[in-house]
Amino acid sequence: MTKIYVAGPLFNTHERWYLEQIAAALEAEGFPTFLPHRDAGDLGEPTFEARDRVFHADLEALDECTACVALLTGPDHDSGTCVELGYMFAQHKPCFGLTDDRRFLNNMVWGVCDNGATLVSSISALIPLVKQQLKG
């Protein structure tokens, strides 16, 4: 079964809300998703135990998921999101990027997103691309 890991920065309400919109749009099309702050739990106070729990839950989800959609909007890409993209790419799993910010796109992120072929600027553009790539 296809399950999509939705990656992105989680530092404010807007970022979390946007990730939830991405997950909801994918789920409406029949793609189950893993959304770290929803499914692995909030890190809360960054104790060793909390960090370890969330880290391992995220790794397990990355292993279980068949693709990754990453929110890349912003002046620089979130380091955790880049780790998640690289981890999926190393497993030869499809990686999709969503950014409406064209100030800068890291060349490695561009490469992981199929040399830019799986980069889009809106959720409405993301859905048909994911459907085409994953449902073939």
N, C-alpha and C. Protein backbone atom coordinates (compact mmCIF):
# COMPACT_ATOMS: atom_id res chain seq x y z
N MET A 1 0.84 -1.18 0.00
CA MET A 1 0.00 0.00 0.00
C MET A 1 0.88 1.24 0.00
N THR A 2 0.53 2.19 -0.83
CA THR A 2 1.25 3.46 -0.90
C THR A 2 0.91 4.32 0.30
N LYS A 3 1.94 4.77 1.00
CA LYS A 3 1.78 5.71 2.12
C LYS A 3 2.82 6.80 1.94
N ILE A 4 2.41 8.04 2.14
CA ILE A 4 3.27 9.18 1.86
C ILE A 4 3.68 9.88 3.14
N TYR A 5 4.98 10.08 3.29
CA TYR A 5 5.55 10.83 4.41
C TYR A 5 5.51 12.30 4.03
N VAL A 6 4.85 13.12 4.84
CA VAL A 6 4.75 14.55 4.59
C VAL A 6 5.76 15.27 5.48
N ALA A 7 6.81 15.80 4.87
CA ALA A 7 7.92 16.41 5.60
C ALA A 7 7.87 17.93 5.48
N GLY A 8 8.37 18.59 6.50
CA GLY A 8 8.47 20.04 6.45
C GLY A 8 8.76 20.62 7.81
N PRO A 9 9.04 21.91 7.84
CA PRO A 9 9.33 22.56 9.12
C PRO A 9 8.09 22.60 10.00
N LEU A 10 8.32 22.50 11.31
CA LEU A 10 7.22 22.42 12.28
C LEU A 10 7.34 23.51 13.34
N PHE A 11 7.91 24.64 12.98
CA PHE A 11 8.28 25.63 13.99
C PHE A 11 7.20 26.63 14.35
N ASN A 12 6.14 26.68 13.56
CA ASN A 12 5.06 27.62 13.90
C ASN A 12 3.72 27.07 13.43
N THR A 13 2.67 27.71 13.85
CA THR A 13 1.31 27.26 13.55
C THR A 13 1.06 27.22 12.05
N HIS A 14 1.53 28.21 11.32
CA HIS A 14 1.30 28.26 9.87
C HIS A 14 1.96 27.07 9.17
N GLU A 15 3.20 26.76 9.52
CA GLU A 15 3.89 25.64 8.88
C GLU A 15 3.14 24.33 9.15
N ARG A 16 2.76 24.12 10.40
CA ARG A 16 2.02 22.89 10.73
C ARG A 16 0.68 22.85 10.00
N TRP A 17 -0.01 24.00 9.92
CA TRP A 17 -1.29 24.07 9.22
C TRP A 17 -1.12 23.73 7.74
N TYR A 18 -0.09 24.28 7.11
CA TYR A 18 0.14 24.02 5.68
C TYR A 18 0.45 22.54 5.44
N LEU A 19 1.24 21.94 6.31
CA LEU A 19 1.52 20.51 6.19
C LEU A 19 0.24 19.69 6.35
N GLU A 20 -0.63 20.11 7.25
CA GLU A 20 -1.91 19.42 7.44
C GLU A 20 -2.79 19.55 6.20
N GLN A 21 -2.72 20.69 5.50
CA GLN A 21 -3.47 20.87 4.26
C GLN A 21 -2.94 19.93 3.17
N ILE A 22 -1.63 19.79 3.10
CA ILE A 22 -1.02 18.87 2.13
C ILE A 22 -1.49 17.44 2.43
N ALA A 23 -1.39 17.03 3.69
CA ALA A 23 -1.81 15.68 4.07
C ALA A 23 -3.29 15.46 3.76
N ALA A 24 -4.13 16.42 4.07
CA ALA A 24 -5.57 16.28 3.83
C ALA A 24 -5.86 16.14 2.34
N ALA A 25 -5.17 16.89 1.50
CA ALA A 25 -5.38 16.80 0.06
C ALA A 25 -4.96 15.43 -0.47
N LEU A 26 -3.85 14.91 0.02
CA LEU A 26 -3.39 13.58 -0.39
C LEU A 26 -4.36 12.50 0.10
N GLU A 27 -4.80 12.62 1.34
CA GLU A 27 -5.73 11.65 1.91
C GLU A 27 -7.07 11.66 1.18
N ALA A 28 -7.51 12.83 0.74
CA ALA A 28 -8.76 12.94 -0.02
C ALA A 28 -8.68 12.19 -1.35
N GLU A 29 -7.47 12.00 -1.85
CA GLU A 29 -7.25 11.26 -3.09
C GLU A 29 -6.92 9.79 -2.84
N GLY A 30 -7.04 9.36 -1.59
CA GLY A 30 -6.83 7.95 -1.26
C GLY A 30 -5.43 7.57 -0.86
N PHE A 31 -4.56 8.56 -0.64
CA PHE A 31 -3.19 8.27 -0.21
C PHE A 31 -3.09 8.44 1.30
N PRO A 32 -2.88 7.36 2.04
CA PRO A 32 -2.62 7.52 3.48
C PRO A 32 -1.33 8.30 3.67
N THR A 33 -1.25 9.06 4.75
CA THR A 33 -0.05 9.87 4.99
C THR A 33 0.47 9.66 6.41
N PHE A 34 1.75 9.97 6.56
CA PHE A 34 2.37 10.09 7.88
C PHE A 34 2.77 11.55 8.01
N LEU A 35 2.25 12.19 9.04
CA LEU A 35 2.54 13.59 9.32
C LEU A 35 3.22 13.63 10.69
N PRO A 36 4.52 13.92 10.74
CA PRO A 36 5.29 13.76 11.98
C PRO A 36 4.66 14.36 13.23
N HIS A 37 4.22 15.60 13.19
CA HIS A 37 3.69 16.22 14.41
C HIS A 37 2.32 15.65 14.80
N ARG A 38 1.64 15.05 13.86
CA ARG A 38 0.35 14.43 14.15
C ARG A 38 0.53 12.97 14.58
N ASP A 39 1.44 12.26 13.91
CA ASP A 39 1.52 10.81 14.07
C ASP A 39 2.66 10.32 14.96
N ALA A 40 3.72 11.09 15.11
CA ALA A 40 4.83 10.68 15.98
C ALA A 40 4.75 11.38 17.32
N GLY A 41 3.91 12.38 17.41
CA GLY A 41 3.78 13.14 18.65
C GLY A 41 4.65 14.37 18.64
N ASP A 42 4.19 15.37 19.35
CA ASP A 42 4.92 16.63 19.45
C ASP A 42 6.15 16.41 20.33
N LEU A 43 7.25 16.99 19.92
CA LEU A 43 8.48 16.87 20.69
C LEU A 43 8.33 17.47 22.07
N GLY A 44 7.57 18.56 22.18
CA GLY A 44 7.39 19.21 23.47
C GLY A 44 8.72 19.69 24.01
N GLU A 45 8.94 19.45 25.29
CA GLU A 45 10.21 19.80 25.92
C GLU A 45 11.27 18.86 25.35
N PRO A 46 12.35 19.39 24.74
CA PRO A 46 13.31 18.52 24.06
C PRO A 46 14.24 17.76 25.01
N THR A 47 13.66 16.86 25.78
CA THR A 47 14.47 15.99 26.63
C THR A 47 15.09 14.90 25.78
N PHE A 48 16.07 14.21 26.31
CA PHE A 48 16.69 13.10 25.59
C PHE A 48 15.64 12.07 25.21
N GLU A 49 14.78 11.71 26.15
CA GLU A 49 13.78 10.68 25.92
C GLU A 49 12.80 11.10 24.82
N ALA A 50 12.35 12.35 24.85
CA ALA A 50 11.40 12.83 23.83
C ALA A 50 12.06 12.86 22.46
N ARG A 51 13.28 13.37 22.39
CA ARG A 51 14.00 13.42 21.11
C ARG A 51 14.19 12.01 20.55
N ASP A 52 14.60 11.09 21.39
CA ASP A 52 14.85 9.71 20.96
C ASP A 52 13.56 9.06 20.47
N ARG A 53 12.47 9.26 21.18
CA ARG A 53 11.17 8.68 20.80
C ARG A 53 10.72 9.20 19.44
N VAL A 54 10.77 10.52 19.26
CA VAL A 54 10.32 11.11 18.00
C VAL A 54 11.25 10.73 16.85
N PHE A 55 12.55 10.76 17.09
CA PHE A 55 13.52 10.38 16.06
C PHE A 55 13.25 8.97 15.54
N HIS A 56 13.08 8.02 16.45
CA HIS A 56 12.86 6.64 16.03
C HIS A 56 11.49 6.43 15.39
N ALA A 57 10.48 7.15 15.86
CA ALA A 57 9.15 7.06 15.23
C ALA A 57 9.22 7.60 13.80
N ASP A 58 9.95 8.68 13.60
CA ASP A 58 10.09 9.24 12.26
C ASP A 58 10.87 8.30 11.34
N LEU A 59 11.95 7.72 11.84
CA LEU A 59 12.72 6.76 11.03
C LEU A 59 11.87 5.56 10.63
N GLU A 60 11.11 5.04 11.57
CA GLU A 60 10.24 3.90 11.27
C GLU A 60 9.23 4.28 10.19
N ALA A 61 8.68 5.47 10.28
CA ALA A 61 7.72 5.92 9.27
C ALA A 61 8.39 6.10 7.91
N LEU A 62 9.59 6.66 7.89
CA LEU A 62 10.31 6.80 6.63
C LEU A 62 10.54 5.45 5.98
N ASP A 63 10.85 4.44 6.77
CA ASP A 63 11.05 3.10 6.24
C ASP A 63 9.75 2.51 5.70
N GLU A 64 8.64 2.78 6.37
CA GLU A 64 7.34 2.22 5.99
C GLU A 64 6.71 2.93 4.80
N CYS A 65 6.96 4.22 4.66
CA CYS A 65 6.32 4.99 3.59
C CYS A 65 6.98 4.70 2.24
N THR A 66 6.21 4.88 1.18
CA THR A 66 6.70 4.59 -0.15
C THR A 66 7.12 5.83 -0.93
N ALA A 67 6.81 7.01 -0.39
CA ALA A 67 7.18 8.27 -1.05
C ALA A 67 7.21 9.38 -0.01
N CYS A 68 7.78 10.51 -0.41
CA CYS A 68 7.88 11.67 0.48
C CYS A 68 7.45 12.93 -0.27
N VAL A 69 6.63 13.73 0.39
CA VAL A 69 6.29 15.07 -0.09
C VAL A 69 6.88 16.04 0.92
N ALA A 70 7.69 16.97 0.45
CA ALA A 70 8.37 17.90 1.35
C ALA A 70 7.97 19.34 1.07
N LEU A 71 7.63 20.06 2.13
CA LEU A 71 7.37 21.49 2.04
C LEU A 71 8.71 22.21 2.09
N LEU A 72 9.04 22.90 1.02
CA LEU A 72 10.36 23.52 0.88
C LEU A 72 10.31 25.04 0.82
N THR A 73 9.15 25.63 1.03
CA THR A 73 9.00 27.07 0.96
C THR A 73 9.77 27.76 2.09
N GLY A 74 10.43 28.83 1.75
CA GLY A 74 11.18 29.60 2.74
C GLY A 74 12.52 30.03 2.20
N PRO A 75 13.21 30.89 2.93
CA PRO A 75 14.50 31.39 2.45
C PRO A 75 15.59 30.33 2.46
N ASP A 76 15.41 29.28 3.23
CA ASP A 76 16.35 28.16 3.25
C ASP A 76 15.56 26.92 3.60
N HIS A 77 16.00 25.78 3.14
CA HIS A 77 15.29 24.54 3.40
C HIS A 77 15.57 24.08 4.83
N ASP A 78 14.53 23.60 5.49
CA ASP A 78 14.66 23.09 6.85
C ASP A 78 15.60 21.89 6.87
N SER A 79 16.55 21.88 7.81
CA SER A 79 17.55 20.81 7.85
C SER A 79 16.93 19.44 8.09
N GLY A 80 15.94 19.36 8.98
CA GLY A 80 15.28 18.08 9.22
C GLY A 80 14.56 17.57 7.99
N THR A 81 13.92 18.47 7.27
CA THR A 81 13.23 18.10 6.03
C THR A 81 14.23 17.57 5.02
N CYS A 82 15.39 18.19 4.92
CA CYS A 82 16.42 17.73 3.99
C CYS A 82 16.94 16.35 4.37
N VAL A 83 17.07 16.08 5.66
CA VAL A 83 17.48 14.74 6.10
C VAL A 83 16.43 13.73 5.66
N GLU A 84 15.15 14.06 5.87
CA GLU A 84 14.07 13.14 5.49
C GLU A 84 14.06 12.89 3.99
N LEU A 85 14.23 13.93 3.19
CA LEU A 85 14.30 13.77 1.73
C LEU A 85 15.48 12.88 1.33
N GLY A 86 16.64 13.16 1.89
CA GLY A 86 17.83 12.38 1.57
C GLY A 86 17.69 10.92 1.96
N TYR A 87 17.07 10.67 3.10
CA TYR A 87 16.86 9.30 3.58
C TYR A 87 15.97 8.54 2.59
N MET A 88 14.89 9.19 2.15
CA MET A 88 13.98 8.54 1.19
C MET A 88 14.67 8.34 -0.16
N PHE A 89 15.40 9.34 -0.61
CA PHE A 89 16.10 9.24 -1.89
C PHE A 89 17.10 8.09 -1.86
N ALA A 90 17.81 7.92 -0.75
CA ALA A 90 18.79 6.84 -0.63
C ALA A 90 18.13 5.47 -0.70
N GLN A 91 16.84 5.41 -0.39
CA GLN A 91 16.09 4.15 -0.49
C GLN A 91 15.39 4.02 -1.84
N HIS A 92 15.70 4.91 -2.77
CA HIS A 92 15.12 4.91 -4.12
C HIS A 92 13.60 5.07 -4.10
N LYS A 93 13.12 5.90 -3.17
CA LYS A 93 11.69 6.18 -3.07
C LYS A 93 11.42 7.56 -3.68
N PRO A 94 10.28 7.72 -4.36
CA PRO A 94 9.98 9.00 -4.99
C PRO A 94 9.89 10.15 -3.99
N CYS A 95 10.47 11.29 -4.37
CA CYS A 95 10.46 12.49 -3.53
C CYS A 95 9.83 13.63 -4.33
N PHE A 96 8.89 14.31 -3.70
CA PHE A 96 8.20 15.44 -4.29
C PHE A 96 8.46 16.67 -3.43
N GLY A 97 8.63 17.80 -4.07
CA GLY A 97 8.85 19.04 -3.34
C GLY A 97 7.78 20.06 -3.67
N LEU A 98 7.38 20.82 -2.67
CA LEU A 98 6.39 21.88 -2.84
C LEU A 98 6.99 23.19 -2.34
N THR A 99 7.14 24.15 -3.26
CA THR A 99 7.63 25.47 -2.86
C THR A 99 7.05 26.53 -3.78
N ASP A 100 6.60 27.61 -3.19
CA ASP A 100 6.17 28.74 -4.00
C ASP A 100 7.16 29.89 -3.84
N ASP A 101 8.32 29.59 -3.32
CA ASP A 101 9.37 30.57 -3.08
C ASP A 101 10.53 30.25 -4.01
N ARG A 102 10.75 31.07 -5.02
CA ARG A 102 11.78 30.79 -6.02
C ARG A 102 13.08 31.56 -5.78
N ARG A 103 13.26 32.07 -4.54
CA ARG A 103 14.50 32.81 -4.26
C ARG A 103 15.72 31.91 -4.41
N PHE A 104 15.60 30.68 -3.94
CA PHE A 104 16.75 29.79 -3.95
C PHE A 104 16.26 28.36 -3.85
N LEU A 105 16.84 27.49 -4.62
CA LEU A 105 16.55 26.07 -4.51
C LEU A 105 17.88 25.34 -4.51
N ASN A 106 18.20 24.70 -3.41
CA ASN A 106 19.44 23.97 -3.28
C ASN A 106 19.56 22.93 -4.38
N ASN A 107 20.72 22.82 -4.99
CA ASN A 107 20.93 21.88 -6.09
C ASN A 107 20.72 20.43 -5.67
N MET A 108 21.10 20.07 -4.46
CA MET A 108 20.90 18.70 -3.99
C MET A 108 19.41 18.40 -3.82
N VAL A 109 18.66 19.36 -3.30
CA VAL A 109 17.21 19.19 -3.16
C VAL A 109 16.58 19.07 -4.54
N TRP A 110 17.01 19.90 -5.48
CA TRP A 110 16.54 19.82 -6.86
C TRP A 110 16.79 18.42 -7.42
N GLY A 111 17.99 17.88 -7.20
CA GLY A 111 18.34 16.55 -7.71
C GLY A 111 17.50 15.45 -7.09
N VAL A 112 17.29 15.52 -5.78
CA VAL A 112 16.48 14.52 -5.08
C VAL A 112 15.05 14.52 -5.63
N CYS A 113 14.58 15.69 -6.03
CA CYS A 113 13.23 15.82 -6.59
C CYS A 113 13.27 15.58 -8.10
N ASP A 114 13.91 14.50 -8.50
CA ASP A 114 13.98 14.05 -9.90
C ASP A 114 14.41 15.17 -10.84
N ASN A 115 15.52 15.81 -10.48
CA ASN A 115 16.07 16.92 -11.27
C ASN A 115 15.02 17.99 -11.57
N GLY A 116 14.22 18.27 -10.55
CA GLY A 116 13.20 19.31 -10.65
C GLY A 116 11.87 18.84 -11.21
N ALA A 117 11.81 17.63 -11.74
CA ALA A 117 10.57 17.15 -12.38
C ALA A 117 9.43 16.93 -11.38
N THR A 118 9.76 16.73 -10.10
CA THR A 118 8.71 16.52 -9.10
C THR A 118 8.63 17.70 -8.12
N LEU A 119 9.02 18.88 -8.59
CA LEU A 119 8.86 20.12 -7.82
C LEU A 119 7.65 20.88 -8.35
N VAL A 120 6.79 21.29 -7.45
CA VAL A 120 5.60 22.04 -7.83
C VAL A 120 5.45 23.26 -6.93
N SER A 121 4.55 24.17 -7.32
CA SER A 121 4.39 25.40 -6.55
C SER A 121 3.06 25.50 -5.82
N SER A 122 2.24 24.44 -5.88
CA SER A 122 0.95 24.48 -5.18
C SER A 122 0.46 23.07 -4.88
N ILE A 123 -0.43 22.99 -3.91
CA ILE A 123 -1.04 21.69 -3.59
C ILE A 123 -1.85 21.21 -4.79
N SER A 124 -2.52 22.11 -5.47
CA SER A 124 -3.34 21.71 -6.62
C SER A 124 -2.49 21.14 -7.76
N ALA A 125 -1.25 21.55 -7.88
CA ALA A 125 -0.34 20.97 -8.87
C ALA A 125 0.30 19.68 -8.36
N LEU A 126 0.42 19.56 -7.05
CA LEU A 126 1.04 18.38 -6.45
C LEU A 126 0.19 17.12 -6.65
N ILE A 127 -1.10 17.23 -6.42
CA ILE A 127 -1.97 16.06 -6.42
C ILE A 127 -1.93 15.29 -7.74
N PRO A 128 -2.13 15.92 -8.90
CA PRO A 128 -2.08 15.13 -10.14
C PRO A 128 -0.70 14.52 -10.41
N LEU A 129 0.35 15.21 -10.00
CA LEU A 129 1.69 14.67 -10.19
C LEU A 129 1.90 13.42 -9.34
N VAL A 130 1.50 13.48 -8.08
CA VAL A 130 1.61 12.31 -7.20
C VAL A 130 0.78 11.16 -7.75
N LYS A 131 -0.44 11.45 -8.18
CA LYS A 131 -1.30 10.40 -8.74
C LYS A 131 -0.66 9.77 -9.97
N GLN A 132 -0.11 10.58 -10.84
CA GLN A 132 0.54 10.06 -12.05
C GLN A 132 1.75 9.20 -11.70
N GLN A 133 2.58 9.68 -10.79
CA GLN A 133 3.82 8.98 -10.46
C GLN A 133 3.59 7.71 -9.63
N LEU A 134 2.62 7.74 -8.72
CA LEU A 134 2.46 6.63 -7.79
C LEU A 134 1.36 5.64 -8.17
N LYS A 135 0.38 6.09 -8.91
CA LYS A 135 -0.67 5.17 -9.34
C LYS A 135 -0.45 4.72 -10.77
N GLY A 136 0.47 5.40 -11.44
CA GLY A 136 0.93 5.07 -12.76
C GLY A 136 -0.09 4.86 -13.79
